[in-house]
């Protein structure tokens, strides 16, 4: 169940843009951690965050 009905990929891209690509914050954070509740079998909520923040 998606409580807020936001597209997880959009949310991940938003955070990446503002926390990593933003010139004022670029390199400021050594580590970024998200608490994501994802009870889905296919990990549909957490996968976009993994793909965008850790593409390796």
C-alpha atoms as a PDB file:
ATOM      1  CA  UNK A   1       0.000   0.000   0.000  1.00  0.00           C
ATOM      2  CA  UNK A   2       1.361   3.398  -0.984  1.00  0.00           C
ATOM      3  CA  UNK A   3       0.120   5.752   1.707  1.00  0.00           C
ATOM      4  CA  UNK A   4       0.939   9.034   0.036  1.00  0.00           C
ATOM      5  CA  UNK A   5       0.392   7.905  -3.563  1.00  0.00           C
ATOM      6  CA  UNK A   6       3.566   9.604  -4.788  1.00  0.00           C
ATOM      7  CA  UNK A   7       5.512   7.906  -7.540  1.00  0.00           C
ATOM      8  CA  UNK A   8       8.600   6.432  -5.791  1.00  0.00           C
ATOM      9  CA  UNK A   9      10.834   7.162  -8.793  1.00  0.00           C
ATOM     10  CA  UNK A  10       9.759  10.810  -8.814  1.00  0.00           C
ATOM     11  CA  UNK A  11      10.434  11.104  -5.082  1.00  0.00           C
ATOM     12  CA  UNK A  12      13.866   9.470  -5.409  1.00  0.00           C
ATOM     13  CA  UNK A  13      14.802  11.764  -8.305  1.00  0.00           C
ATOM     14  CA  UNK A  14      13.611  14.810  -6.335  1.00  0.00           C
ATOM     15  CA  UNK A  15      15.768  13.917  -3.335  1.00  0.00           C
ATOM     16  CA  UNK A  16      18.756  13.072  -5.549  1.00  0.00           C
ATOM     17  CA  UNK A  17      18.488  16.365  -7.353  1.00  0.00           C
ATOM     18  CA  UNK A  18      18.208  18.431  -4.179  1.00  0.00           C
ATOM     19  CA  UNK A  19      20.675  16.518  -1.993  1.00  0.00           C
ATOM     20  CA  UNK A  20      23.328  15.409  -4.487  1.00  0.00           C
ATOM     21  CA  UNK A  21      23.182  17.527  -7.633  1.00  0.00           C
ATOM     22  CA  UNK A  22      22.423  20.850  -5.939  1.00  0.00           C
ATOM     23  CA  UNK A  23      25.639  22.931  -6.155  1.00  0.00           C
ATOM     24  CA  UNK A  24      25.107  24.264  -2.619  1.00  0.00           C
ATOM     25  CA  UNK A  25      24.916  20.760  -1.132  1.00  0.00           C
ATOM     26  CA  UNK A  26      27.062  18.737  -3.561  1.00  0.00           C
ATOM     27  CA  UNK A  27      29.643  16.849  -1.516  1.00  0.00           C
ATOM     28  CA  UNK A  28      28.174  18.082   1.771  1.00  0.00           C
ATOM     29  CA  UNK A  29      26.703  14.733   2.814  1.00  0.00           C
ATOM     30  CA  UNK A  30      29.002  11.778   3.324  1.00  0.00           C
ATOM     31  CA  UNK A  31      26.049   9.433   3.630  1.00  0.00           C
ATOM     32  CA  UNK A  32      22.308   9.729   3.046  1.00  0.00           C
ATOM     33  CA  UNK A  33      19.927   7.225   4.654  1.00  0.00           C
ATOM     34  CA  UNK A  34      16.217   6.860   4.019  1.00  0.00           C
ATOM     35  CA  UNK A  35      13.729   4.966   6.175  1.00  0.00           C
ATOM     36  CA  UNK A  36      11.444   3.407   3.579  1.00  0.00           C
ATOM     37  CA  UNK A  37       8.589   1.091   4.457  1.00  0.00           C
ATOM     38  CA  UNK A  38       8.196  -1.311   1.544  1.00  0.00           C
ATOM     39  CA  UNK A  39       6.246  -4.486   2.229  1.00  0.00           C
ATOM     40  CA  UNK A  40       5.672  -5.217  -1.448  1.00  0.00           C
ATOM     41  CA  UNK A  41       7.008  -8.482  -2.866  1.00  0.00           C
ATOM     42  CA  UNK A  42       8.632  -6.754  -5.828  1.00  0.00           C
ATOM     43  CA  UNK A  43      10.206  -3.959  -3.702  1.00  0.00           C
ATOM     44  CA  UNK A  44       8.504  -1.372  -5.914  1.00  0.00           C
ATOM     45  CA  UNK A  45       9.071   1.499  -3.498  1.00  0.00           C
ATOM     46  CA  UNK A  46      12.703   0.952  -2.539  1.00  0.00           C
ATOM     47  CA  UNK A  47      14.032  -0.123  -5.964  1.00  0.00           C
ATOM     48  CA  UNK A  48      13.921   3.370  -7.507  1.00  0.00           C
ATOM     49  CA  UNK A  49      15.929   4.767  -4.571  1.00  0.00           C
ATOM     50  CA  UNK A  50      18.522   2.018  -4.961  1.00  0.00           C
ATOM     51  CA  UNK A  51      18.728   2.539  -8.722  1.00  0.00           C
ATOM     52  CA  UNK A  52      19.128   6.310  -8.467  1.00  0.00           C
ATOM     53  CA  UNK A  53      21.366   6.609  -5.395  1.00  0.00           C
ATOM     54  CA  UNK A  54      23.464   3.460  -5.917  1.00  0.00           C
ATOM     55  CA  UNK A  55      23.497   2.662  -9.638  1.00  0.00           C
ATOM     56  CA  UNK A  56      26.480   0.272  -9.397  1.00  0.00           C
END
